[in-house]
PDB file of N, CA and C in Angstrom:
ATOM      1  N   UNK A   1      19.350  13.735 -22.026  1.00  0.00           N
ATOM      2  CA  UNK A   1      18.715  13.211 -23.229  1.00  0.00           C
ATOM      3  C   UNK A   1      19.409  12.210 -24.020  1.00  0.00           C
ATOM      4  N   UNK A   2      19.016  10.737 -24.071  1.00  0.00           N
ATOM      5  CA  UNK A   2      19.779  10.020 -24.639  1.00  0.00           C
ATOM      6  C   UNK A   2      19.933  10.601 -26.258  1.00  0.00           C
ATOM      7  N   UNK A   3      21.111  10.121 -26.994  1.00  0.00           N
ATOM      8  CA  UNK A   3      21.698  10.674 -28.025  1.00  0.00           C
ATOM      9  C   UNK A   3      21.503   9.456 -28.922  1.00  0.00           C
ATOM     10  N   UNK A   4      21.495   8.216 -28.323  1.00  0.00           N
ATOM     11  CA  UNK A   4      21.311   6.858 -29.072  1.00  0.00           C
ATOM     12  C   UNK A   4      19.542   6.143 -29.336  1.00  0.00           C
ATOM     13  N   UNK A   5      19.378   6.038 -30.456  1.00  0.00           N
ATOM     14  CA  UNK A   5      18.194   5.357 -30.508  1.00  0.00           C
ATOM     15  C   UNK A   5      17.885   4.312 -29.505  1.00  0.00           C
ATOM     16  N   UNK A   6      18.777   3.428 -29.424  1.00  0.00           N
ATOM     17  CA  UNK A   6      18.531   2.335 -28.448  1.00  0.00           C
ATOM     18  C   UNK A   6      18.485   2.688 -27.016  1.00  0.00           C
ATOM     19  N   UNK A   7      18.893   3.928 -26.652  1.00  0.00           N
ATOM     20  CA  UNK A   7      19.008   4.435 -25.210  1.00  0.00           C
ATOM     21  C   UNK A   7      17.852   5.133 -25.170  1.00  0.00           C
ATOM     22  N   UNK A   8      17.639   5.555 -26.141  1.00  0.00           N
ATOM     23  CA  UNK A   8      15.555   6.276 -26.029  1.00  0.00           C
ATOM     24  C   UNK A   8      14.593   5.174 -25.850  1.00  0.00           C
ATOM     25  N   UNK A   9      15.015   4.084 -26.807  1.00  0.00           N
ATOM     26  CA  UNK A   9      13.917   2.903 -26.473  1.00  0.00           C
ATOM     27  C   UNK A   9      14.180   2.464 -25.286  1.00  0.00           C
ATOM     28  N   UNK A  10      15.471   2.531 -24.530  1.00  0.00           N
ATOM     29  CA  UNK A  10      15.443   1.817 -23.182  1.00  0.00           C
ATOM     30  C   UNK A  10      14.955   2.790 -22.295  1.00  0.00           C
ATOM     31  N   UNK A  11      14.995   3.981 -22.553  1.00  0.00           N
ATOM     32  CA  UNK A  11      14.267   5.034 -21.356  1.00  0.00           C
ATOM     33  C   UNK A  11      12.707   5.147 -21.453  1.00  0.00           C
ATOM     34  N   UNK A  12      12.150   4.801 -22.717  1.00  0.00           N
ATOM     35  CA  UNK A  12      10.940   4.654 -22.837  1.00  0.00           C
ATOM     36  C   UNK A  12      10.512   3.345 -22.133  1.00  0.00           C
ATOM     37  N   UNK A  13      11.007   2.327 -22.217  1.00  0.00           N
ATOM     38  CA  UNK A  13      10.882   0.950 -21.464  1.00  0.00           C
ATOM     39  C   UNK A  13      10.847   0.877 -20.280  1.00  0.00           C
ATOM     40  N   UNK A  14      11.748   2.012 -19.554  1.00  0.00           N
ATOM     41  CA  UNK A  14      12.084   2.054 -18.211  1.00  0.00           C
ATOM     42  C   UNK A  14      10.699   2.504 -17.821  1.00  0.00           C
ATOM     43  N   UNK A  15      10.222   3.584 -18.328  1.00  0.00           N
ATOM     44  CA  UNK A  15       9.541   4.593 -17.904  1.00  0.00           C
ATOM     45  C   UNK A  15       8.154   3.648 -17.767  1.00  0.00           C
ATOM     46  N   UNK A  16       7.801   3.078 -18.813  1.00  0.00           N
ATOM     47  CA  UNK A  16       6.558   1.872 -18.854  1.00  0.00           C
ATOM     48  C   UNK A  16       6.693   1.065 -17.613  1.00  0.00           C
ATOM     49  N   UNK A  17       7.853   0.295 -17.619  1.00  0.00           N
ATOM     50  CA  UNK A  17       8.004  -0.582 -16.114  1.00  0.00           C
ATOM     51  C   UNK A  17       7.576   0.026 -15.082  1.00  0.00           C
ATOM     52  N   UNK A  18       8.158   1.402 -14.778  1.00  0.00           N
ATOM     53  CA  UNK A  18       8.217   1.737 -13.658  1.00  0.00           C
ATOM     54  C   UNK A  18       6.605   1.911 -13.326  1.00  0.00           C
ATOM     55  N   UNK A  19       5.965   2.692 -14.284  1.00  0.00           N
ATOM     56  CA  UNK A  19       4.520   2.674 -14.257  1.00  0.00           C
ATOM     57  C   UNK A  19       3.669   1.353 -13.804  1.00  0.00           C
ATOM     58  N   UNK A  20       4.203   0.225 -14.711  1.00  0.00           N
ATOM     59  CA  UNK A  20       3.623  -1.236 -14.143  1.00  0.00           C
ATOM     60  C   UNK A  20       3.841  -1.813 -13.204  1.00  0.00           C
ATOM     61  N   UNK A  21       5.057  -1.201 -12.523  1.00  0.00           N
ATOM     62  CA  UNK A  21       5.776  -1.751 -11.421  1.00  0.00           C
ATOM     63  C   UNK A  21       4.825  -1.064 -10.165  1.00  0.00           C
ATOM     64  N   UNK A  22       5.034   0.364 -10.179  1.00  0.00           N
ATOM     65  CA  UNK A  22       4.270   0.928  -9.006  1.00  0.00           C
ATOM     66  C   UNK A  22       2.536   0.482  -9.120  1.00  0.00           C
ATOM     67  N   UNK A  23       1.982   0.538 -10.147  1.00  0.00           N
ATOM     68  CA  UNK A  23       0.554  -0.319 -10.064  1.00  0.00           C
ATOM     69  C   UNK A  23       0.127  -1.223  -9.405  1.00  0.00           C
ATOM     70  N   UNK A  24       1.228  -2.449  -9.618  1.00  0.00           N
ATOM     71  CA  UNK A  24       1.368  -3.432  -8.884  1.00  0.00           C
ATOM     72  C   UNK A  24       1.509  -3.685  -7.459  1.00  0.00           C
ATOM     73  N   UNK A  25       2.749  -2.802  -6.978  1.00  0.00           N
ATOM     74  CA  UNK A  25       2.721  -2.668  -5.450  1.00  0.00           C
ATOM     75  C   UNK A  25       1.668  -1.884  -5.058  1.00  0.00           C
ATOM     76  N   UNK A  26       1.214  -1.207  -5.631  1.00  0.00           N
ATOM     77  CA  UNK A  26      -0.027  -0.216  -4.992  1.00  0.00           C
ATOM     78  C   UNK A  26      -1.300  -1.241  -5.190  1.00  0.00           C
ATOM     79  N   UNK A  27      -1.431  -2.146  -5.788  1.00  0.00           N
ATOM     80  CA  UNK A  27      -2.460  -3.286  -5.679  1.00  0.00           C
ATOM     81  C   UNK A  27      -2.271  -3.985  -4.559  1.00  0.00           C
ATOM     82  N   UNK A  28      -1.090  -4.521  -4.242  1.00  0.00           N
ATOM     83  CA  UNK A  28      -0.757  -5.525  -3.196  1.00  0.00           C
ATOM     84  C   UNK A  28      -0.958  -4.465  -1.825  1.00  0.00           C
ATOM     85  N   UNK A  29      -0.860  -3.293  -2.037  1.00  0.00           N
ATOM     86  CA  UNK A  29      -0.973  -2.552  -0.362  1.00  0.00           C
ATOM     87  C   UNK A  29      -2.239  -2.341  -0.317  1.00  0.00           C
ATOM     88  N   UNK A  30      -3.305  -2.273  -1.495  1.00  0.00           N
ATOM     89  CA  UNK A  30      -4.342  -2.119  -1.205  1.00  0.00           C
ATOM     90  C   UNK A  30      -5.376  -3.441  -0.890  1.00  0.00           C
ATOM     91  N   UNK A  31      -4.760  -4.071  -1.281  1.00  0.00           N
ATOM     92  CA  UNK A  31      -5.062  -5.787  -0.603  1.00  0.00           C
ATOM     93  C   UNK A  31      -5.057  -5.882   0.847  1.00  0.00           C
ATOM     94  N   UNK A  32      -3.378  -5.410   1.130  1.00  0.00           N
ATOM     95  CA  UNK A  32      -3.306  -5.479   2.547  1.00  0.00           C
ATOM     96  C   UNK A  32      -4.117  -4.786   3.383  1.00  0.00           C
ATOM     97  N   UNK A  33      -4.291  -3.703   2.754  1.00  0.00           N
ATOM     98  CA  UNK A  33      -5.235  -2.630   3.782  1.00  0.00           C
ATOM     99  C   UNK A  33      -6.796  -3.251   3.892  1.00  0.00           C
ATOM    100  N   UNK A  34      -7.291  -3.875   2.892  1.00  0.00           N
ATOM    101  CA  UNK A  34      -8.289  -4.643   2.892  1.00  0.00           C
ATOM    102  C   UNK A  34      -8.579  -5.719   4.076  1.00  0.00           C
ATOM    103  N   UNK A  35      -7.444  -6.350   4.215  1.00  0.00           N
ATOM    104  CA  UNK A  35      -7.201  -7.604   4.988  1.00  0.00           C
ATOM    105  C   UNK A  35      -7.011  -6.944   6.492  1.00  0.00           C
ATOM    106  N   UNK A  36      -6.334  -5.941   6.746  1.00  0.00           N
ATOM    107  CA  UNK A  36      -6.312  -5.014   7.838  1.00  0.00           C
ATOM    108  C   UNK A  36      -7.786  -4.684   8.339  1.00  0.00           C
ATOM    109  N   UNK A  37      -8.498  -4.121   7.400  1.00  0.00           N
ATOM    110  CA  UNK A  37      -9.709  -3.823   7.920  1.00  0.00           C
ATOM    111  C   UNK A  37     -10.708  -4.908   8.068  1.00  0.00           C
ATOM    112  N   UNK A  38     -10.635  -5.927   7.428  1.00  0.00           N
ATOM    113  CA  UNK A  38     -11.357  -6.947   7.957  1.00  0.00           C
ATOM    114  C   UNK A  38     -10.800  -7.693   9.300  1.00  0.00           C
ATOM    115  N   UNK A  39      -9.624  -7.397   9.457  1.00  0.00           N
ATOM    116  CA  UNK A  39      -9.308  -8.256  10.888  1.00  0.00           C
ATOM    117  C   UNK A  39      -9.609  -7.310  11.766  1.00  0.00           C
ATOM    118  N   UNK A  40      -9.664  -5.940  11.530  1.00  0.00           N
ATOM    119  CA  UNK A  40     -10.180  -5.126  12.608  1.00  0.00           C
ATOM    120  C   UNK A  40     -11.486  -5.001  13.046  1.00  0.00           C
ATOM    121  N   UNK A  41     -12.223  -5.517  12.098  1.00  0.00           N
ATOM    122  CA  UNK A  41     -13.853  -5.695  12.189  1.00  0.00           C
ATOM    123  C   UNK A  41     -14.072  -7.226  13.132  1.00  0.00           C
ATOM    124  N   UNK A  42     -13.171  -7.976  12.793  1.00  0.00           N
ATOM    125  CA  UNK A  42     -13.094  -9.337  13.507  1.00  0.00           C
ATOM    126  C   UNK A  42     -14.014 -10.175  12.801  1.00  0.00           C
ATOM    127  N   UNK A  43     -14.226  -9.901  11.337  1.00  0.00           N
ATOM    128  CA  UNK A  43     -14.770 -10.761  10.470  1.00  0.00           C
ATOM    129  C   UNK A  43     -13.836 -11.824  10.016  1.00  0.00           C
ATOM    130  N   UNK A  44     -14.106 -13.166  10.348  1.00  0.00           N
ATOM    131  CA  UNK A  44     -12.984 -14.341   9.981  1.00  0.00           C
ATOM    132  C   UNK A  44     -13.325 -14.570   8.883  1.00  0.00           C
ATOM    133  N   UNK A  45     -14.535 -14.598   8.162  1.00  0.00           N
ATOM    134  CA  UNK A  45     -14.720 -15.201   6.617  1.00  0.00           C
ATOM    135  C   UNK A  45     -14.217 -14.154   5.864  1.00  0.00           C
ATOM    136  N   UNK A  46     -14.411 -12.925   6.032  1.00  0.00           N
ATOM    137  CA  UNK A  46     -13.969 -11.739   5.073  1.00  0.00           C
ATOM    138  C   UNK A  46     -12.536 -11.669   5.199  1.00  0.00           C
ATOM    139  N   UNK A  47     -12.028 -11.808   6.383  1.00  0.00           N
ATOM    140  CA  UNK A  47     -10.417 -11.862   6.254  1.00  0.00           C
ATOM    141  C   UNK A  47      -9.867 -13.034   5.841  1.00  0.00           C
ATOM    142  N   UNK A  48     -10.443 -13.830   5.686  1.00  0.00           N
ATOM    143  CA  UNK A  48      -9.817 -15.275   5.168  1.00  0.00           C
ATOM    144  C   UNK A  48      -9.736 -15.115   3.384  1.00  0.00           C
ATOM    145  N   UNK A  49     -10.947 -14.375   2.876  1.00  0.00           N
ATOM    146  CA  UNK A  49     -11.203 -14.096   1.592  1.00  0.00           C
ATOM    147  C   UNK A  49     -10.227 -13.161   1.387  1.00  0.00           C
ATOM    148  N   UNK A  50      -9.982 -12.027   2.169  1.00  0.00           N
ATOM    149  CA  UNK A  50      -9.055 -11.053   1.870  1.00  0.00           C
ATOM    150  C   UNK A  50      -7.553 -11.510   1.572  1.00  0.00           C
ATOM    151  N   UNK A  51      -7.350 -12.369   2.671  1.00  0.00           N
ATOM    152  CA  UNK A  51      -5.920 -12.892   3.042  1.00  0.00           C
ATOM    153  C   UNK A  51      -5.561 -13.680   1.368  1.00  0.00           C
ATOM    154  N   UNK A  52      -6.395 -14.477   0.953  1.00  0.00           N
ATOM    155  CA  UNK A  52      -6.228 -15.462  -0.118  1.00  0.00           C
ATOM    156  C   UNK A  52      -5.867 -14.307  -1.322  1.00  0.00           C
ATOM    157  N   UNK A  53      -7.092 -13.096  -1.563  1.00  0.00           N
ATOM    158  CA  UNK A  53      -6.727 -12.017  -2.573  1.00  0.00           C
ATOM    159  C   UNK A  53      -5.366 -11.445  -2.265  1.00  0.00           C
ATOM    160  N   UNK A  54      -4.705 -11.184  -1.058  1.00  0.00           N
ATOM    161  CA  UNK A  54      -3.464 -10.633  -0.665  1.00  0.00           C
ATOM    162  C   UNK A  54      -2.536 -11.657  -1.098  1.00  0.00           C
ATOM    163  N   UNK A  55      -2.335 -12.794  -0.897  1.00  0.00           N
ATOM    164  CA  UNK A  55      -1.533 -13.792  -1.110  1.00  0.00           C
ATOM    165  C   UNK A  55      -1.530 -14.082  -2.429  1.00  0.00           C
ATOM    166  N   UNK A  56      -2.405 -13.839  -3.360  1.00  0.00           N
ATOM    167  CA  UNK A  56      -2.715 -14.262  -4.476  1.00  0.00           C
ATOM    168  C   UNK A  56      -1.825 -12.940  -5.273  1.00  0.00           C
ATOM    169  N   UNK A  57      -2.082 -11.672  -5.089  1.00  0.00           N
ATOM    170  CA  UNK A  57      -1.564 -10.480  -5.427  1.00  0.00           C
ATOM    171  C   UNK A  57       0.007 -10.744  -5.165  1.00  0.00           C
ATOM    172  N   UNK A  58       0.480 -11.175  -4.160  1.00  0.00           N
ATOM    173  CA  UNK A  58       1.894 -11.391  -3.837  1.00  0.00           C
ATOM    174  C   UNK A  58       2.636 -12.095  -4.739  1.00  0.00           C
ATOM    175  N   UNK A  59       1.896 -13.481  -5.127  1.00  0.00           N
ATOM    176  CA  UNK A  59       2.326 -14.301  -5.843  1.00  0.00           C
ATOM    177  C   UNK A  59       2.483 -13.717  -7.291  1.00  0.00           C
ATOM    178  N   UNK A  60       1.628 -12.978  -7.777  1.00  0.00           N
ATOM    179  CA  UNK A  60       1.638 -12.401  -9.214  1.00  0.00           C
ATOM    180  C   UNK A  60       2.811 -11.624  -9.048  1.00  0.00           C
ATOM    181  N   UNK A  61       3.037 -10.983  -8.121  1.00  0.00           N
ATOM    182  CA  UNK A  61       3.982  -9.755  -8.053  1.00  0.00           C
ATOM    183  C   UNK A  61       5.549 -10.308  -8.297  1.00  0.00           C
ATOM    184  N   UNK A  62       5.544 -11.756  -7.232  1.00  0.00           N
ATOM    185  CA  UNK A  62       7.042 -12.278  -7.665  1.00  0.00           C
ATOM    186  C   UNK A  62       6.762 -12.905  -8.835  1.00  0.00           C
ATOM    187  N   UNK A  63       6.004 -13.287  -9.640  1.00  0.00           N
ATOM    188  CA  UNK A  63       5.997 -14.060 -10.760  1.00  0.00           C
ATOM    189  C   UNK A  63       6.479 -13.164 -11.845  1.00  0.00           C
ATOM    190  N   UNK A  64       5.857 -11.783 -11.776  1.00  0.00           N
ATOM    191  CA  UNK A  64       6.507 -10.459 -12.546  1.00  0.00           C
ATOM    192  C   UNK A  64       7.791 -10.334 -12.143  1.00  0.00           C
ATOM    193  N   UNK A  65       8.468 -10.683 -11.375  1.00  0.00           N
ATOM    194  CA  UNK A  65       9.693  -9.954 -10.834  1.00  0.00           C
ATOM    195  C   UNK A  65       9.754  -8.654 -10.160  1.00  0.00           C
ATOM    196  N   UNK A  66       8.494  -8.295  -9.583  1.00  0.00           N
ATOM    197  CA  UNK A  66       8.448  -6.954  -8.888  1.00  0.00           C
ATOM    198  C   UNK A  66       8.635  -7.120  -7.591  1.00  0.00           C
ATOM    199  N   UNK A  67       8.515  -8.186  -6.856  1.00  0.00           N
ATOM    200  CA  UNK A  67       8.996  -8.499  -5.650  1.00  0.00           C
ATOM    201  C   UNK A  67       9.724  -9.754  -5.610  1.00  0.00           C
ATOM    202  N   UNK A  68      10.649  -9.769  -4.645  1.00  0.00           N
ATOM    203  CA  UNK A  68      11.370 -11.009  -4.255  1.00  0.00           C
ATOM    204  C   UNK A  68      10.333 -11.993  -3.424  1.00  0.00           C
ATOM    205  N   UNK A  69      10.968 -13.240  -3.700  1.00  0.00           N
ATOM    206  CA  UNK A  69      10.315 -14.155  -3.160  1.00  0.00           C
ATOM    207  C   UNK A  69      10.448 -14.180  -1.663  1.00  0.00           C
ATOM    208  N   UNK A  70      11.312 -13.923  -1.101  1.00  0.00           N
ATOM    209  CA  UNK A  70      11.362 -13.743   0.300  1.00  0.00           C
ATOM    210  C   UNK A  70      10.679 -12.916   0.692  1.00  0.00           C
ATOM    211  N   UNK A  71      10.834 -11.621   0.244  1.00  0.00           N
ATOM    212  CA  UNK A  71       9.800 -10.565   0.920  1.00  0.00           C
ATOM    213  C   UNK A  71       8.359 -11.008   0.634  1.00  0.00           C
ATOM    214  N   UNK A  72       7.882 -11.587  -0.374  1.00  0.00           N
ATOM    215  CA  UNK A  72       6.309 -11.786  -0.442  1.00  0.00           C
ATOM    216  C   UNK A  72       6.259 -13.295   0.538  1.00  0.00           C
ATOM    217  N   UNK A  73       6.943 -14.098   0.859  1.00  0.00           N
ATOM    218  CA  UNK A  73       6.838 -15.087   1.936  1.00  0.00           C
ATOM    219  C   UNK A  73       6.642 -14.583   3.164  1.00  0.00           C
ATOM    220  N   UNK A  74       7.449 -13.604   3.592  1.00  0.00           N
ATOM    221  CA  UNK A  74       7.505 -12.587   4.624  1.00  0.00           C
ATOM    222  C   UNK A  74       6.276 -12.100   5.016  1.00  0.00           C
ATOM    223  N   UNK A  75       5.877 -11.295   4.151  1.00  0.00           N
ATOM    224  CA  UNK A  75       4.716 -10.685   4.160  1.00  0.00           C
ATOM    225  C   UNK A  75       3.338 -11.698   4.391  1.00  0.00           C
ATOM    226  N   UNK A  76       3.346 -12.674   3.547  1.00  0.00           N
ATOM    227  CA  UNK A  76       2.430 -13.972   3.534  1.00  0.00           C
ATOM    228  C   UNK A  76       2.485 -14.357   5.364  1.00  0.00           C
ATOM    229  N   UNK A  77       3.572 -14.440   5.688  1.00  0.00           N
ATOM    230  CA  UNK A  77       3.622 -15.115   7.292  1.00  0.00           C
ATOM    231  C   UNK A  77       2.924 -14.103   8.133  1.00  0.00           C
ATOM    232  N   UNK A  78       3.409 -12.802   7.980  1.00  0.00           N
ATOM    233  CA  UNK A  78       2.841 -11.930   8.984  1.00  0.00           C
ATOM    234  C   UNK A  78       1.497 -11.979   8.942  1.00  0.00           C
ATOM    235  N   UNK A  79       0.831 -11.744   7.596  1.00  0.00           N
ATOM    236  CA  UNK A  79      -0.489 -11.612   7.465  1.00  0.00           C
ATOM    237  C   UNK A  79      -1.461 -12.689   8.135  1.00  0.00           C
ATOM    238  N   UNK A  80      -0.771 -14.063   7.846  1.00  0.00           N
ATOM    239  CA  UNK A  80      -1.338 -15.260   8.405  1.00  0.00           C
ATOM    240  C   UNK A  80      -1.276 -15.199   9.886  1.00  0.00           C
ATOM    241  N   UNK A  81      -0.370 -14.764  10.257  1.00  0.00           N
ATOM    242  CA  UNK A  81      -0.253 -14.598  11.686  1.00  0.00           C
ATOM    243  C   UNK A  81      -1.211 -13.732  12.319  1.00  0.00           C
ATOM    244  N   UNK A  82      -1.331 -12.439  11.738  1.00  0.00           N
ATOM    245  CA  UNK A  82      -2.621 -11.584  11.926  1.00  0.00           C
ATOM    246  C   UNK A  82      -4.018 -12.360  11.560  1.00  0.00           C
ATOM    247  N   UNK A  83      -4.000 -13.236  10.832  1.00  0.00           N
ATOM    248  CA  UNK A  83      -5.574 -14.028  10.458  1.00  0.00           C
ATOM    249  C   UNK A  83      -5.849 -14.779  11.768  1.00  0.00           C
ATOM    250  N   UNK A  84      -4.670 -15.689  12.172  1.00  0.00           N
ATOM    251  CA  UNK A  84      -4.583 -16.436  12.977  1.00  0.00           C
ATOM    252  C   UNK A  84      -5.216 -15.894  14.615  1.00  0.00           C
ATOM    253  N   UNK A  85      -4.845 -14.517  14.656  1.00  0.00           N
ATOM    254  CA  UNK A  85      -5.093 -13.756  15.911  1.00  0.00           C
ATOM    255  C   UNK A  85      -6.481 -13.179  16.014  1.00  0.00           C
ATOM    256  N   UNK A  86      -7.404 -13.707  15.153  1.00  0.00           N
ATOM    257  CA  UNK A  86      -8.875 -13.564  14.947  1.00  0.00           C
ATOM    258  C   UNK A  86      -9.241 -14.505  15.953  1.00  0.00           C
ATOM    259  N   UNK A  87      -9.152 -15.587  15.760  1.00  0.00           N
ATOM    260  CA  UNK A  87      -9.803 -16.626  16.436  1.00  0.00           C
ATOM    261  C   UNK A  87      -9.792 -16.506  17.908  1.00  0.00           C
TER     262      UNK A  87
END
């Protein structure tokens, strides 16, 4: 346990950030699963909407510093290739 007041505050902030980051990553993962489910069904319209939602969540995670830009770009590229495979 921290002995200094600022260290205690930093520990509290770290815990709060960990929870927020985990929630955001979980949301991205949930969106990805929705996209995969839509692609598996072969529903182009639903898959397109799911892709837009997934890309939006990735961009928001990058903006908040949860994911790196290259990581999000790679995930979007793979998802887009998956979406293109439906046609």
